[in-house]
Amino acid sequence: MSLFNDIGRKVETLKQEVEKASDDEATHRCSECETLLYADHDECPECGSTSVVALSE
């Protein structure tokens, strides 16, 4: 069972690293639901809000 626990921890670590890298690539964000977007949109694909703003670094 230890092998499966070790693999599970490694998969979770990898998943978190991928999510962080993906978040770092976002260029826009919905002000209403906080969804990160990777291209400019007229409205949020998640909630339909028109409050999409560009992220500035």
N, C-alpha and C. Protein backbone atom coordinates (compact mmCIF):
# COMPACT_ATOMS: atom_id res chain seq x y z
N MET A 1 0.82 -1.18 0.00
CA MET A 1 0.00 0.00 0.00
C MET A 1 0.87 1.26 0.00
N SER A 2 2.04 1.17 0.55
CA SER A 2 2.95 2.31 0.61
C SER A 2 3.30 2.83 -0.78
N LEU A 3 3.44 1.93 -1.74
CA LEU A 3 3.76 2.31 -3.11
C LEU A 3 2.65 3.20 -3.67
N PHE A 4 1.39 2.83 -3.44
CA PHE A 4 0.28 3.61 -3.95
C PHE A 4 0.19 4.97 -3.27
N ASN A 5 0.48 5.03 -1.99
CA ASN A 5 0.49 6.32 -1.28
C ASN A 5 1.58 7.23 -1.84
N ASP A 6 2.75 6.68 -2.10
CA ASP A 6 3.87 7.44 -2.65
C ASP A 6 3.53 7.97 -4.04
N ILE A 7 2.95 7.12 -4.88
CA ILE A 7 2.56 7.54 -6.22
C ILE A 7 1.49 8.62 -6.15
N GLY A 8 0.52 8.45 -5.25
CA GLY A 8 -0.54 9.45 -5.08
C GLY A 8 0.01 10.80 -4.68
N ARG A 9 0.97 10.83 -3.77
CA ARG A 9 1.59 12.09 -3.36
C ARG A 9 2.34 12.75 -4.51
N LYS A 10 3.05 11.94 -5.28
CA LYS A 10 3.80 12.48 -6.42
C LYS A 10 2.86 13.04 -7.48
N VAL A 11 1.76 12.35 -7.74
CA VAL A 11 0.78 12.84 -8.72
C VAL A 11 0.17 14.15 -8.24
N GLU A 12 -0.17 14.25 -6.98
CA GLU A 12 -0.75 15.49 -6.43
C GLU A 12 0.25 16.64 -6.52
N THR A 13 1.51 16.39 -6.24
CA THR A 13 2.54 17.42 -6.35
C THR A 13 2.67 17.90 -7.79
N LEU A 14 2.70 16.97 -8.71
CA LEU A 14 2.79 17.32 -10.13
C LEU A 14 1.57 18.14 -10.56
N LYS A 15 0.39 17.73 -10.13
CA LYS A 15 -0.84 18.45 -10.46
C LYS A 15 -0.78 19.90 -9.96
N GLN A 16 -0.31 20.09 -8.75
CA GLN A 16 -0.21 21.45 -8.19
C GLN A 16 0.80 22.29 -8.96
N GLU A 17 1.92 21.70 -9.37
CA GLU A 17 2.92 22.42 -10.14
C GLU A 17 2.38 22.83 -11.50
N VAL A 18 1.63 21.94 -12.13
CA VAL A 18 1.04 22.24 -13.44
C VAL A 18 0.01 23.35 -13.31
N GLU A 19 -0.83 23.30 -12.28
CA GLU A 19 -1.83 24.35 -12.08
C GLU A 19 -1.18 25.70 -11.85
N LYS A 20 -0.10 25.74 -11.08
CA LYS A 20 0.59 27.01 -10.82
C LYS A 20 1.19 27.56 -12.11
N ALA A 21 1.82 26.71 -12.89
CA ALA A 21 2.41 27.15 -14.15
C ALA A 21 1.32 27.66 -15.09
N SER A 22 0.19 26.99 -15.09
CA SER A 22 -0.92 27.41 -15.93
C SER A 22 -1.45 28.77 -15.48
N ASP A 23 -1.59 28.97 -14.17
CA ASP A 23 -2.05 30.25 -13.63
C ASP A 23 -1.10 31.38 -14.00
N ASP A 24 0.18 31.09 -14.05
CA ASP A 24 1.19 32.11 -14.38
C ASP A 24 1.06 32.57 -15.83
N GLU A 25 0.45 31.77 -16.68
CA GLU A 25 0.31 32.11 -18.10
C GLU A 25 -0.97 32.88 -18.41
N ALA A 26 -1.87 33.01 -17.45
CA ALA A 26 -3.14 33.71 -17.68
C ALA A 26 -2.89 35.17 -18.01
N THR A 27 -3.68 35.71 -18.93
CA THR A 27 -3.54 37.10 -19.34
C THR A 27 -4.72 37.96 -18.92
N HIS A 28 -5.85 37.32 -18.59
CA HIS A 28 -7.06 38.04 -18.21
C HIS A 28 -7.74 37.30 -17.05
N ARG A 29 -8.65 38.03 -16.36
CA ARG A 29 -9.36 37.44 -15.23
C ARG A 29 -10.76 38.01 -15.19
N CYS A 30 -11.72 37.19 -14.81
CA CYS A 30 -13.09 37.65 -14.63
C CYS A 30 -13.20 38.28 -13.23
N SER A 31 -13.68 39.50 -13.17
CA SER A 31 -13.82 40.19 -11.88
C SER A 31 -14.94 39.59 -11.04
N GLU A 32 -15.90 38.95 -11.67
CA GLU A 32 -17.05 38.39 -10.94
C GLU A 32 -16.73 37.05 -10.29
N CYS A 33 -16.22 36.09 -11.06
CA CYS A 33 -16.02 34.74 -10.52
C CYS A 33 -14.54 34.38 -10.33
N GLU A 34 -13.65 35.31 -10.67
CA GLU A 34 -12.20 35.11 -10.47
C GLU A 34 -11.58 34.06 -11.39
N THR A 35 -12.27 33.64 -12.43
CA THR A 35 -11.73 32.67 -13.38
C THR A 35 -10.56 33.29 -14.14
N LEU A 36 -9.46 32.56 -14.25
CA LEU A 36 -8.32 33.02 -15.03
C LEU A 36 -8.53 32.64 -16.48
N LEU A 37 -8.21 33.55 -17.38
CA LEU A 37 -8.40 33.34 -18.81
C LEU A 37 -7.08 33.51 -19.54
N TYR A 38 -6.93 32.85 -20.67
CA TYR A 38 -5.68 32.84 -21.40
C TYR A 38 -5.75 33.62 -22.70
N ALA A 39 -6.87 34.30 -22.91
CA ALA A 39 -7.05 35.16 -24.07
C ALA A 39 -8.11 36.20 -23.71
N ASP A 40 -8.15 37.28 -24.43
CA ASP A 40 -9.14 38.31 -24.19
C ASP A 40 -10.52 37.78 -24.60
N HIS A 41 -11.51 37.99 -23.76
CA HIS A 41 -12.88 37.58 -24.03
C HIS A 41 -13.81 38.77 -23.79
N ASP A 42 -14.91 38.83 -24.54
CA ASP A 42 -15.92 39.84 -24.28
C ASP A 42 -16.73 39.50 -23.04
N GLU A 43 -16.87 38.19 -22.79
CA GLU A 43 -17.55 37.76 -21.58
C GLU A 43 -16.90 36.48 -21.05
N CYS A 44 -17.05 36.27 -19.77
CA CYS A 44 -16.45 35.11 -19.10
C CYS A 44 -17.14 33.84 -19.57
N PRO A 45 -16.37 32.83 -20.00
CA PRO A 45 -16.97 31.57 -20.42
C PRO A 45 -17.57 30.78 -19.25
N GLU A 46 -17.18 31.10 -18.02
CA GLU A 46 -17.69 30.38 -16.86
C GLU A 46 -19.01 30.94 -16.35
N CYS A 47 -19.08 32.27 -16.17
CA CYS A 47 -20.26 32.87 -15.55
C CYS A 47 -21.04 33.80 -16.47
N GLY A 48 -20.47 34.15 -17.63
CA GLY A 48 -21.17 35.02 -18.57
C GLY A 48 -21.01 36.50 -18.29
N SER A 49 -20.29 36.87 -17.27
CA SER A 49 -20.08 38.27 -16.92
C SER A 49 -19.26 38.97 -18.00
N THR A 50 -19.50 40.26 -18.17
CA THR A 50 -18.71 41.06 -19.11
C THR A 50 -17.56 41.77 -18.39
N SER A 51 -17.32 41.40 -17.14
CA SER A 51 -16.28 42.03 -16.33
C SER A 51 -14.93 41.32 -16.46
N VAL A 52 -14.45 41.17 -17.68
CA VAL A 52 -13.15 40.53 -17.93
C VAL A 52 -12.10 41.63 -18.02
N VAL A 53 -11.07 41.52 -17.18
CA VAL A 53 -10.02 42.54 -17.15
C VAL A 53 -8.66 41.92 -17.46
N ALA A 54 -7.80 42.71 -18.04
CA ALA A 54 -6.44 42.25 -18.35
C ALA A 54 -5.62 42.24 -17.06
N LEU A 55 -4.78 41.25 -16.93
CA LEU A 55 -3.85 41.18 -15.80
C LEU A 55 -2.60 41.96 -16.20
N SER A 56 -2.19 42.84 -15.33
CA SER A 56 -0.95 43.58 -15.61
C SER A 56 0.12 43.10 -14.64
N GLU A 57 1.31 43.02 -15.13
CA GLU A 57 2.42 42.52 -14.32
C GLU A 57 3.18 43.68 -13.74
